[in-house]
Amino acid sequence: MSVETPSRTAPPPRAGARRRRRVSGGTALGLGSAVLYLSLIVLIPLALVVVRSTDEGLGYFWKAVTTPDAWAALTLTIGASAVVALVNLVLGTLIAWVLVRDRFPGKAIVDTLIDLPFALPTIVAGLVLLALYGPESPLGVNLAYSRAGVGLALLFVTLPFVVRTVQPVLIELDKDMEQAAASLGASPFQTFRRIILPNLVPAMLSGTALAFTRAISEFGSTVLISGNLPFRTQVAAVNIFSQIEGDNTTGAAAISTVLLIVALVALLALDLLQRWGSRRG
């Protein structure tokens, strides 16, 4: 008759041991390097700009951003960027759809040209736009020194963002779901609204937010075609440059801080929308 010995279970590892196993030396080194790099390149410079904007107190900060020329530049920049972002939301999605779902001659060339604003220096883009839509326009369209010209320049530099965020989602989208919906009698519009669009919305919002934040910071492409006219066509980035040229670095930092806050609010709103959408899904 055999006697069974009770099995012994190993004691659970202590919390400290679990943490040590979870964060390996390589992970800690990589995380530390990433945080250090981001701090040196992004966080510390941005923090110094914010600190510099309050060198002369909050009263001076408010006065610097509400002077007539600074306020006009900020309202024009934020308003034009919002309009440009909405245009990109619609037309960028349409372009991505055409590039993924349609076949036509020169498709590869068009797909390559989408990235041209990324590769082209923005001051060169401004020169090209001025040559095409300036006083001596070969097309007979003069948008120079107008707010429409500012919007055109912002559209040019922000074109790729929505296209390049929506395009991969369309490529990976399962077409079997669309075919199943069609076999059940769904119209093309119903298939798009109930199956395709919900999958595209996160990418569309991400691209739109990136386009907006890129537009509010644009400098090079707007300098030439806008004419840099205070109270009319001067954007915030150009106004900041003018403040620095006038040796008013505190005022320039104050306007820069406003743009930074607007960009952060836009990105935070995007994150909240995505979280809300994921919970509903």
C-alpha atoms as a PDB file:
ATOM      1  CA  MET A   1       0.000   0.000   0.000  1.00  0.00           C
ATOM      2  CA  SER A   2       1.542   3.239  -1.156  1.00  0.00           C
ATOM      3  CA  VAL A   3       1.310   6.416   0.771  1.00  0.00           C
ATOM      4  CA  GLU A   4       0.726   9.496  -1.327  1.00  0.00           C
ATOM      5  CA  THR A   5       2.751  12.456  -0.258  1.00  0.00           C
ATOM      6  CA  PRO A   6       0.984  15.764  -0.483  1.00  0.00           C
ATOM      7  CA  SER A   7       2.256  17.869  -3.337  1.00  0.00           C
ATOM      8  CA  ARG A   8       3.966  21.086  -2.435  1.00  0.00           C
ATOM      9  CA  THR A   9       3.204  24.213  -4.342  1.00  0.00           C
ATOM     10  CA  ALA A  10       5.823  26.854  -4.717  1.00  0.00           C
ATOM     11  CA  PRO A  11       5.111  30.068  -2.839  1.00  0.00           C
ATOM     12  CA  PRO A  12       3.909  32.900  -5.045  1.00  0.00           C
ATOM     13  CA  PRO A  13       6.649  35.262  -6.114  1.00  0.00           C
ATOM     14  CA  ARG A  14       6.892  38.489  -4.268  1.00  0.00           C
ATOM     15  CA  ALA A  15       5.616  41.652  -5.919  1.00  0.00           C
ATOM     16  CA  GLY A  16       9.119  43.064  -6.149  1.00  0.00           C
ATOM     17  CA  ALA A  17      10.345  39.948  -7.940  1.00  0.00           C
ATOM     18  CA  ARG A  18       7.449  40.138 -10.386  1.00  0.00           C
ATOM     19  CA  ARG A  19       8.272  43.761 -11.151  1.00  0.00           C
ATOM     20  CA  ARG A  20      11.937  42.923 -11.627  1.00  0.00           C
ATOM     21  CA  ARG A  21      11.061  40.191 -14.108  1.00  0.00           C
ATOM     22  CA  ARG A  22       8.565  42.390 -15.913  1.00  0.00           C
ATOM     23  CA  VAL A  23      11.020  45.253 -16.535  1.00  0.00           C
ATOM     24  CA  SER A  24      14.200  43.765 -17.894  1.00  0.00           C
ATOM     25  CA  GLY A  25      17.463  45.608 -18.153  1.00  0.00           C
ATOM     26  CA  GLY A  26      17.105  46.015 -21.915  1.00  0.00           C
ATOM     27  CA  THR A  27      13.588  47.409 -21.569  1.00  0.00           C
ATOM     28  CA  ALA A  28      14.681  49.846 -18.886  1.00  0.00           C
ATOM     29  CA  LEU A  29      17.600  51.021 -21.040  1.00  0.00           C
ATOM     30  CA  GLY A  30      15.370  51.483 -24.070  1.00  0.00           C
ATOM     31  CA  LEU A  31      12.702  53.306 -22.074  1.00  0.00           C
ATOM     32  CA  GLY A  32      15.275  55.575 -20.459  1.00  0.00           C
ATOM     33  CA  SER A  33      16.852  56.383 -23.825  1.00  0.00           C
ATOM     34  CA  ALA A  34      13.452  57.195 -25.351  1.00  0.00           C
ATOM     35  CA  VAL A  35      12.458  59.449 -22.444  1.00  0.00           C
ATOM     36  CA  LEU A  36      15.849  61.203 -22.505  1.00  0.00           C
ATOM     37  CA  TYR A  37      15.647  61.785 -26.252  1.00  0.00           C
ATOM     38  CA  LEU A  38      12.076  63.094 -26.098  1.00  0.00           C
ATOM     39  CA  SER A  39      12.996  65.336 -23.180  1.00  0.00           C
ATOM     40  CA  LEU A  40      15.971  66.870 -24.972  1.00  0.00           C
ATOM     41  CA  ILE A  41      14.228  67.302 -28.326  1.00  0.00           C
ATOM     42  CA  VAL A  42      10.616  68.048 -27.338  1.00  0.00           C
ATOM     43  CA  LEU A  43       9.724  68.413 -23.659  1.00  0.00           C
ATOM     44  CA  ILE A  44      12.516  70.664 -22.383  1.00  0.00           C
ATOM     45  CA  PRO A  45      12.426  73.124 -25.338  1.00  0.00           C
ATOM     46  CA  LEU A  46       8.630  73.404 -25.113  1.00  0.00           C
ATOM     47  CA  ALA A  47       8.789  73.906 -21.351  1.00  0.00           C
ATOM     48  CA  LEU A  48      11.378  76.671 -21.789  1.00  0.00           C
ATOM     49  CA  VAL A  49       9.142  78.433 -24.318  1.00  0.00           C
ATOM     50  CA  VAL A  50       6.241  78.346 -21.854  1.00  0.00           C
ATOM     51  CA  VAL A  51       8.460  79.620 -19.027  1.00  0.00           C
ATOM     52  CA  ARG A  52       9.863  82.367 -21.235  1.00  0.00           C
ATOM     53  CA  SER A  53       6.362  83.523 -22.143  1.00  0.00           C
ATOM     54  CA  THR A  54       5.697  84.385 -18.471  1.00  0.00           C
ATOM     55  CA  ASP A  55       8.997  86.164 -17.796  1.00  0.00           C
ATOM     56  CA  GLU A  56       7.209  89.485 -17.370  1.00  0.00           C
ATOM     57  CA  GLY A  57       4.110  88.117 -15.695  1.00  0.00           C
ATOM     58  CA  LEU A  58       0.724  86.875 -16.815  1.00  0.00           C
ATOM     59  CA  GLY A  59      -0.444  90.414 -17.461  1.00  0.00           C
ATOM     60  CA  TYR A  60       2.204  90.932 -20.105  1.00  0.00           C
ATOM     61  CA  PHE A  61       1.435  87.475 -21.521  1.00  0.00           C
ATOM     62  CA  TRP A  62      -2.205  88.427 -22.026  1.00  0.00           C
ATOM     63  CA  LYS A  63      -1.258  91.800 -23.453  1.00  0.00           C
ATOM     64  CA  ALA A  64       1.172  90.192 -25.918  1.00  0.00           C
ATOM     65  CA  VAL A  65      -1.398  87.770 -27.342  1.00  0.00           C
ATOM     66  CA  THR A  66      -4.236  90.324 -27.507  1.00  0.00           C
ATOM     67  CA  THR A  67      -2.453  93.102 -29.366  1.00  0.00           C
ATOM     68  CA  PRO A  68      -4.374  93.809 -32.593  1.00  0.00           C
ATOM     69  CA  ASP A  69      -1.767  92.305 -34.918  1.00  0.00           C
ATOM     70  CA  ALA A  70      -1.131  89.206 -32.774  1.00  0.00           C
ATOM     71  CA  TRP A  71      -4.836  88.556 -32.210  1.00  0.00           C
ATOM     72  CA  ALA A  72      -5.622  88.960 -35.910  1.00  0.00           C
ATOM     73  CA  ALA A  73      -2.806  86.542 -36.785  1.00  0.00           C
ATOM     74  CA  LEU A  74      -4.012  83.973 -34.229  1.00  0.00           C
ATOM     75  CA  THR A  75      -7.651  84.116 -35.314  1.00  0.00           C
ATOM     76  CA  LEU A  76      -6.712  83.864 -38.983  1.00  0.00           C
ATOM     77  CA  THR A  77      -4.361  80.945 -38.325  1.00  0.00           C
ATOM     78  CA  ILE A  78      -6.733  78.929 -36.151  1.00  0.00           C
ATOM     79  CA  GLY A  79      -9.772  79.651 -38.329  1.00  0.00           C
ATOM     80  CA  ALA A  80      -8.020  78.857 -41.602  1.00  0.00           C
ATOM     81  CA  SER A  81      -6.453  75.724 -40.102  1.00  0.00           C
ATOM     82  CA  ALA A  82      -9.863  74.467 -38.945  1.00  0.00           C
ATOM     83  CA  VAL A  83     -11.349  74.989 -42.414  1.00  0.00           C
ATOM     84  CA  VAL A  84      -8.354  73.333 -44.068  1.00  0.00           C
ATOM     85  CA  ALA A  85      -8.594  70.363 -41.684  1.00  0.00           C
ATOM     86  CA  LEU A  86     -12.274  69.850 -42.549  1.00  0.00           C
ATOM     87  CA  VAL A  87     -11.533  70.046 -46.270  1.00  0.00           C
ATOM     88  CA  ASN A  88      -8.766  67.490 -45.802  1.00  0.00           C
ATOM     89  CA  LEU A  89     -11.151  65.265 -43.844  1.00  0.00           C
ATOM     90  CA  VAL A  90     -13.466  64.980 -46.853  1.00  0.00           C
ATOM     91  CA  LEU A  91     -11.159  65.260 -49.844  1.00  0.00           C
ATOM     92  CA  GLY A  92      -8.275  63.390 -48.215  1.00  0.00           C
ATOM     93  CA  THR A  93     -10.581  60.441 -47.554  1.00  0.00           C
ATOM     94  CA  LEU A  94     -11.862  60.633 -51.129  1.00  0.00           C
ATOM     95  CA  ILE A  95      -8.322  60.633 -52.535  1.00  0.00           C
ATOM     96  CA  ALA A  96      -7.365  57.669 -50.361  1.00  0.00           C
ATOM     97  CA  TRP A  97     -10.449  55.802 -51.570  1.00  0.00           C
ATOM     98  CA  VAL A  98      -9.603  56.474 -55.226  1.00  0.00           C
ATOM     99  CA  LEU A  99      -5.988  55.380 -54.769  1.00  0.00           C
ATOM    100  CA  VAL A 100      -6.997  52.119 -53.059  1.00  0.00           C
ATOM    101  CA  ARG A 101     -10.222  51.073 -54.774  1.00  0.00           C
ATOM    102  CA  ASP A 102      -9.910  52.480 -58.318  1.00  0.00           C
ATOM    103  CA  ARG A 103      -7.608  51.692 -61.212  1.00  0.00           C
ATOM    104  CA  PHE A 104      -6.574  54.364 -63.710  1.00  0.00           C
ATOM    105  CA  PRO A 105      -3.529  55.285 -65.815  1.00  0.00           C
ATOM    106  CA  GLY A 106      -0.833  57.103 -63.832  1.00  0.00           C
ATOM    107  CA  LYS A 107      -2.084  55.867 -60.476  1.00  0.00           C
ATOM    108  CA  ALA A 108       1.475  55.202 -59.220  1.00  0.00           C
ATOM    109  CA  ILE A 109       2.527  58.729 -60.174  1.00  0.00           C
ATOM    110  CA  VAL A 110      -0.419  60.279 -58.336  1.00  0.00           C
ATOM    111  CA  ASP A 111       0.318  58.132 -55.300  1.00  0.00           C
ATOM    112  CA  THR A 112       3.910  59.374 -55.295  1.00  0.00           C
ATOM    113  CA  LEU A 113       2.900  63.018 -55.707  1.00  0.00           C
ATOM    114  CA  ILE A 114       0.829  62.836 -52.524  1.00  0.00           C
ATOM    115  CA  ASP A 115       4.076  62.820 -50.519  1.00  0.00           C
ATOM    116  CA  LEU A 116       5.541  65.806 -52.373  1.00  0.00           C
ATOM    117  CA  PRO A 117       4.583  68.325 -49.640  1.00  0.00           C
ATOM    118  CA  PHE A 118       6.619  66.224 -47.183  1.00  0.00           C
ATOM    119  CA  ALA A 119       9.723  66.313 -49.364  1.00  0.00           C
ATOM    120  CA  LEU A 120       9.508  69.836 -50.765  1.00  0.00           C
ATOM    121  CA  PRO A 121      10.873  72.727 -48.654  1.00  0.00           C
ATOM    122  CA  THR A 122       7.932  74.875 -47.654  1.00  0.00           C
ATOM    123  CA  ILE A 123       9.483  78.092 -48.945  1.00  0.00           C
ATOM    124  CA  VAL A 124       9.787  76.413 -52.355  1.00  0.00           C
ATOM    125  CA  ALA A 125       6.135  75.416 -52.088  1.00  0.00           C
ATOM    126  CA  GLY A 126       5.269  79.060 -51.441  1.00  0.00           C
ATOM    127  CA  LEU A 127       7.243  80.124 -54.497  1.00  0.00           C
ATOM    128  CA  VAL A 128       5.504  77.520 -56.664  1.00  0.00           C
ATOM    129  CA  LEU A 129       2.070  78.591 -55.416  1.00  0.00           C
ATOM    130  CA  LEU A 130       2.912  82.256 -56.009  1.00  0.00           C
ATOM    131  CA  ALA A 131       4.022  81.483 -59.568  1.00  0.00           C
ATOM    132  CA  LEU A 132       0.819  79.539 -60.275  1.00  0.00           C
ATOM    133  CA  TYR A 133      -1.688  81.689 -58.403  1.00  0.00           C
ATOM    134  CA  GLY A 134       0.050  85.058 -58.151  1.00  0.00           C
ATOM    135  CA  PRO A 135      -0.273  88.300 -60.134  1.00  0.00           C
ATOM    136  CA  GLU A 136       1.320  86.699 -63.200  1.00  0.00           C
ATOM    137  CA  SER A 137      -0.584  83.424 -62.941  1.00  0.00           C
ATOM    138  CA  PRO A 138      -0.615  81.388 -66.172  1.00  0.00           C
ATOM    139  CA  LEU A 139      -4.021  80.096 -65.045  1.00  0.00           C
ATOM    140  CA  GLY A 140      -5.502  83.571 -64.732  1.00  0.00           C
ATOM    141  CA  VAL A 141      -6.211  83.081 -61.007  1.00  0.00           C
ATOM    142  CA  ASN A 142      -4.668  85.589 -58.604  1.00  0.00           C
ATOM    143  CA  LEU A 143      -4.870  84.535 -54.954  1.00  0.00           C
ATOM    144  CA  ALA A 144      -1.740  86.347 -53.815  1.00  0.00           C
ATOM    145  CA  TYR A 145      -1.911  88.543 -50.707  1.00  0.00           C
ATOM    146  CA  SER A 146      -5.339  87.216 -49.767  1.00  0.00           C
ATOM    147  CA  ARG A 147      -6.744  84.887 -47.159  1.00  0.00           C
ATOM    148  CA  ALA A 148      -7.707  82.470 -49.918  1.00  0.00           C
ATOM    149  CA  GLY A 149      -4.015  82.270 -50.789  1.00  0.00           C
ATOM    150  CA  VAL A 150      -3.219  81.446 -47.161  1.00  0.00           C
ATOM    151  CA  GLY A 151      -5.791  78.665 -47.215  1.00  0.00           C
ATOM    152  CA  LEU A 152      -4.354  77.329 -50.469  1.00  0.00           C
ATOM    153  CA  ALA A 153      -0.852  77.190 -48.990  1.00  0.00           C
ATOM    154  CA  LEU A 154      -2.128  75.362 -45.909  1.00  0.00           C
ATOM    155  CA  LEU A 155      -4.051  72.895 -48.064  1.00  0.00           C
ATOM    156  CA  PHE A 156      -0.877  72.130 -49.991  1.00  0.00           C
ATOM    157  CA  VAL A 157       1.301  71.365 -46.963  1.00  0.00           C
ATOM    158  CA  THR A 158      -1.378  69.325 -45.139  1.00  0.00           C
ATOM    159  CA  LEU A 159      -2.574  67.245 -48.097  1.00  0.00           C
ATOM    160  CA  PRO A 160      -0.799  63.961 -47.199  1.00  0.00           C
ATOM    161  CA  PHE A 161      -1.960  63.599 -43.597  1.00  0.00           C
ATOM    162  CA  VAL A 162      -5.518  62.286 -44.031  1.00  0.00           C
ATOM    163  CA  VAL A 163      -4.620  60.391 -47.213  1.00  0.00           C
ATOM    164  CA  ARG A 164      -1.735  58.532 -45.598  1.00  0.00           C
ATOM    165  CA  THR A 165      -3.653  57.673 -42.425  1.00  0.00           C
ATOM    166  CA  VAL A 166      -6.809  56.448 -44.183  1.00  0.00           C
ATOM    167  CA  GLN A 167      -5.071  54.595 -47.018  1.00  0.00           C
ATOM    168  CA  PRO A 168      -3.601  51.719 -44.937  1.00  0.00           C
ATOM    169  CA  VAL A 169      -6.943  51.139 -43.206  1.00  0.00           C
ATOM    170  CA  LEU A 170      -8.687  50.852 -46.572  1.00  0.00           C
ATOM    171  CA  ILE A 171      -6.045  48.420 -47.797  1.00  0.00           C
ATOM    172  CA  GLU A 172      -6.485  46.172 -44.752  1.00  0.00           C
ATOM    173  CA  LEU A 173     -10.283  46.402 -44.692  1.00  0.00           C
ATOM    174  CA  ASP A 174     -11.944  43.001 -45.098  1.00  0.00           C
ATOM    175  CA  LYS A 175     -13.938  43.083 -48.330  1.00  0.00           C
ATOM    176  CA  ASP A 176     -15.833  39.932 -47.348  1.00  0.00           C
ATOM    177  CA  MET A 177     -17.957  42.028 -44.998  1.00  0.00           C
ATOM    178  CA  GLU A 178     -18.906  44.336 -47.849  1.00  0.00           C
ATOM    179  CA  GLN A 179     -19.795  41.390 -50.080  1.00  0.00           C
ATOM    180  CA  ALA A 180     -21.863  39.837 -47.301  1.00  0.00           C
ATOM    181  CA  ALA A 181     -23.761  43.098 -46.802  1.00  0.00           C
ATOM    182  CA  ALA A 182     -24.405  43.361 -50.540  1.00  0.00           C
ATOM    183  CA  SER A 183     -25.665  39.774 -50.648  1.00  0.00           C
ATOM    184  CA  LEU A 184     -28.128  40.630 -47.874  1.00  0.00           C
ATOM    185  CA  GLY A 185     -29.541  43.464 -49.935  1.00  0.00           C
ATOM    186  CA  ALA A 186     -27.658  46.463 -48.544  1.00  0.00           C
ATOM    187  CA  SER A 187     -27.194  49.337 -50.937  1.00  0.00           C
ATOM    188  CA  PRO A 188     -23.672  50.697 -51.604  1.00  0.00           C
ATOM    189  CA  PHE A 189     -24.452  53.719 -49.414  1.00  0.00           C
ATOM    190  CA  GLN A 190     -25.663  51.518 -46.550  1.00  0.00           C
ATOM    191  CA  THR A 191     -22.556  49.343 -46.847  1.00  0.00           C
ATOM    192  CA  PHE A 192     -20.329  52.403 -46.721  1.00  0.00           C
ATOM    193  CA  ARG A 193     -22.170  53.995 -43.794  1.00  0.00           C
ATOM    194  CA  ARG A 194     -22.504  50.894 -41.610  1.00  0.00           C
ATOM    195  CA  ILE A 195     -19.393  48.870 -42.441  1.00  0.00           C
ATOM    196  CA  ILE A 196     -16.699  50.946 -44.116  1.00  0.00           C
ATOM    197  CA  LEU A 197     -17.104  54.328 -42.425  1.00  0.00           C
ATOM    198  CA  PRO A 198     -16.947  53.076 -38.795  1.00  0.00           C
ATOM    199  CA  ASN A 199     -13.604  51.445 -39.589  1.00  0.00           C
ATOM    200  CA  LEU A 200     -12.290  54.606 -41.240  1.00  0.00           C
ATOM    201  CA  VAL A 201     -13.389  57.146 -38.627  1.00  0.00           C
ATOM    202  CA  PRO A 202     -10.413  56.726 -36.228  1.00  0.00           C
ATOM    203  CA  ALA A 203      -7.914  57.143 -39.075  1.00  0.00           C
ATOM    204  CA  MET A 204      -9.873  60.063 -40.520  1.00  0.00           C
ATOM    205  CA  LEU A 205      -9.892  61.848 -37.161  1.00  0.00           C
ATOM    206  CA  SER A 206      -6.192  61.189 -36.622  1.00  0.00           C
ATOM    207  CA  GLY A 207      -5.285  62.594 -40.029  1.00  0.00           C
ATOM    208  CA  THR A 208      -7.548  65.602 -39.509  1.00  0.00           C
ATOM    209  CA  ALA A 209      -5.972  66.417 -36.152  1.00  0.00           C
ATOM    210  CA  LEU A 210      -2.482  66.103 -37.614  1.00  0.00           C
ATOM    211  CA  ALA A 211      -3.455  68.348 -40.521  1.00  0.00           C
ATOM    212  CA  PHE A 212      -4.843  70.965 -38.135  1.00  0.00           C
ATOM    213  CA  THR A 213      -1.796  71.010 -35.872  1.00  0.00           C
ATOM    214  CA  ARG A 214       0.497  71.144 -38.896  1.00  0.00           C
ATOM    215  CA  ALA A 215      -1.467  74.043 -40.391  1.00  0.00           C
ATOM    216  CA  ILE A 216      -1.351  76.256 -37.292  1.00  0.00           C
ATOM    217  CA  SER A 217       2.447  76.011 -37.276  1.00  0.00           C
ATOM    218  CA  GLU A 218       3.032  76.663 -40.980  1.00  0.00           C
ATOM    219  CA  PHE A 219       5.509  79.385 -41.915  1.00  0.00           C
ATOM    220  CA  GLY A 220       7.418  78.931 -45.165  1.00  0.00           C
ATOM    221  CA  SER A 221       4.645  78.333 -47.676  1.00  0.00           C
ATOM    222  CA  THR A 222       2.549  81.262 -46.429  1.00  0.00           C
ATOM    223  CA  VAL A 223       5.235  83.976 -46.394  1.00  0.00           C
ATOM    224  CA  LEU A 224       5.303  84.681 -50.115  1.00  0.00           C
ATOM    225  CA  ILE A 225       1.729  84.103 -51.204  1.00  0.00           C
ATOM    226  CA  SER A 226       0.206  85.867 -48.184  1.00  0.00           C
ATOM    227  CA  GLY A 227       2.301  89.004 -48.541  1.00  0.00           C
ATOM    228  CA  ASN A 228       2.624  89.118 -44.738  1.00  0.00           C
ATOM    229  CA  LEU A 229       0.068  91.911 -44.385  1.00  0.00           C
ATOM    230  CA  PRO A 230      -0.682  92.640 -40.702  1.00  0.00           C
ATOM    231  CA  PHE A 231      -4.374  92.451 -39.722  1.00  0.00           C
ATOM    232  CA  ARG A 232      -5.180  90.790 -43.074  1.00  0.00           C
ATOM    233  CA  THR A 233      -3.024  87.875 -44.208  1.00  0.00           C
ATOM    234  CA  GLN A 234      -0.298  87.526 -41.575  1.00  0.00           C
ATOM    235  CA  VAL A 235      -0.352  84.084 -39.930  1.00  0.00           C
ATOM    236  CA  ALA A 236       0.767  83.419 -36.383  1.00  0.00           C
ATOM    237  CA  ALA A 237       4.112  81.841 -37.303  1.00  0.00           C
ATOM    238  CA  VAL A 238       5.074  84.884 -39.360  1.00  0.00           C
ATOM    239  CA  ASN A 239       3.937  87.174 -36.548  1.00  0.00           C
ATOM    240  CA  ILE A 240       6.174  85.242 -34.151  1.00  0.00           C
ATOM    241  CA  PHE A 241       9.091  85.750 -36.521  1.00  0.00           C
ATOM    242  CA  SER A 242       8.315  89.477 -36.687  1.00  0.00           C
ATOM    243  CA  GLN A 243       8.258  89.653 -32.883  1.00  0.00           C
ATOM    244  CA  ILE A 244      11.672  88.001 -32.702  1.00  0.00           C
ATOM    245  CA  GLU A 245      13.045  90.406 -35.307  1.00  0.00           C
ATOM    246  CA  GLY A 246      11.752  93.245 -33.135  1.00  0.00           C
ATOM    247  CA  ASP A 247      13.636  91.800 -30.131  1.00  0.00           C
ATOM    248  CA  ASN A 248      10.410  90.913 -28.356  1.00  0.00           C
ATOM    249  CA  THR A 249      11.183  87.293 -27.528  1.00  0.00           C
ATOM    250  CA  THR A 250       8.770  87.224 -24.595  1.00  0.00           C
ATOM    251  CA  GLY A 251       5.886  88.244 -26.842  1.00  0.00           C
ATOM    252  CA  ALA A 252       6.948  85.687 -29.441  1.00  0.00           C
ATOM    253  CA  ALA A 253       7.047  83.009 -26.733  1.00  0.00           C
ATOM    254  CA  ALA A 254       3.558  84.030 -25.561  1.00  0.00           C
ATOM    255  CA  ILE A 255       2.068  83.610 -29.048  1.00  0.00           C
ATOM    256  CA  SER A 256       3.957  80.322 -29.427  1.00  0.00           C
ATOM    257  CA  THR A 257       2.479  79.108 -26.143  1.00  0.00           C
ATOM    258  CA  VAL A 258      -1.038  79.839 -27.384  1.00  0.00           C
ATOM    259  CA  LEU A 259      -0.380  77.752 -30.500  1.00  0.00           C
ATOM    260  CA  LEU A 260       1.056  74.997 -28.311  1.00  0.00           C
ATOM    261  CA  ILE A 261      -2.053  74.982 -26.108  1.00  0.00           C
ATOM    262  CA  VAL A 262      -4.344  74.862 -29.153  1.00  0.00           C
ATOM    263  CA  ALA A 263      -2.384  71.931 -30.608  1.00  0.00           C
ATOM    264  CA  LEU A 264      -2.463  70.028 -27.309  1.00  0.00           C
ATOM    265  CA  VAL A 265      -6.202  70.605 -26.922  1.00  0.00           C
ATOM    266  CA  ALA A 266      -6.799  69.307 -30.462  1.00  0.00           C
ATOM    267  CA  LEU A 267      -4.733  66.177 -29.836  1.00  0.00           C
ATOM    268  CA  LEU A 268      -6.387  65.597 -26.451  1.00  0.00           C
ATOM    269  CA  ALA A 269      -9.843  65.947 -27.992  1.00  0.00           C
ATOM    270  CA  LEU A 270      -8.851  63.419 -30.654  1.00  0.00           C
ATOM    271  CA  ASP A 271      -7.695  60.957 -27.989  1.00  0.00           C
ATOM    272  CA  LEU A 272     -10.939  61.348 -26.041  1.00  0.00           C
ATOM    273  CA  LEU A 273     -13.014  60.823 -29.188  1.00  0.00           C
ATOM    274  CA  GLN A 274     -11.086  57.677 -30.041  1.00  0.00           C
ATOM    275  CA  ARG A 275     -11.521  56.322 -26.513  1.00  0.00           C
ATOM    276  CA  TRP A 276     -15.242  57.082 -26.631  1.00  0.00           C
ATOM    277  CA  GLY A 277     -15.541  55.391 -30.013  1.00  0.00           C
ATOM    278  CA  SER A 278     -13.682  52.287 -28.822  1.00  0.00           C
ATOM    279  CA  ARG A 279     -15.997  51.971 -25.812  1.00  0.00           C
ATOM    280  CA  ARG A 280     -19.090  52.278 -28.016  1.00  0.00           C
ATOM    281  CA  GLY A 281     -17.645  49.707 -30.395  1.00  0.00           C
END
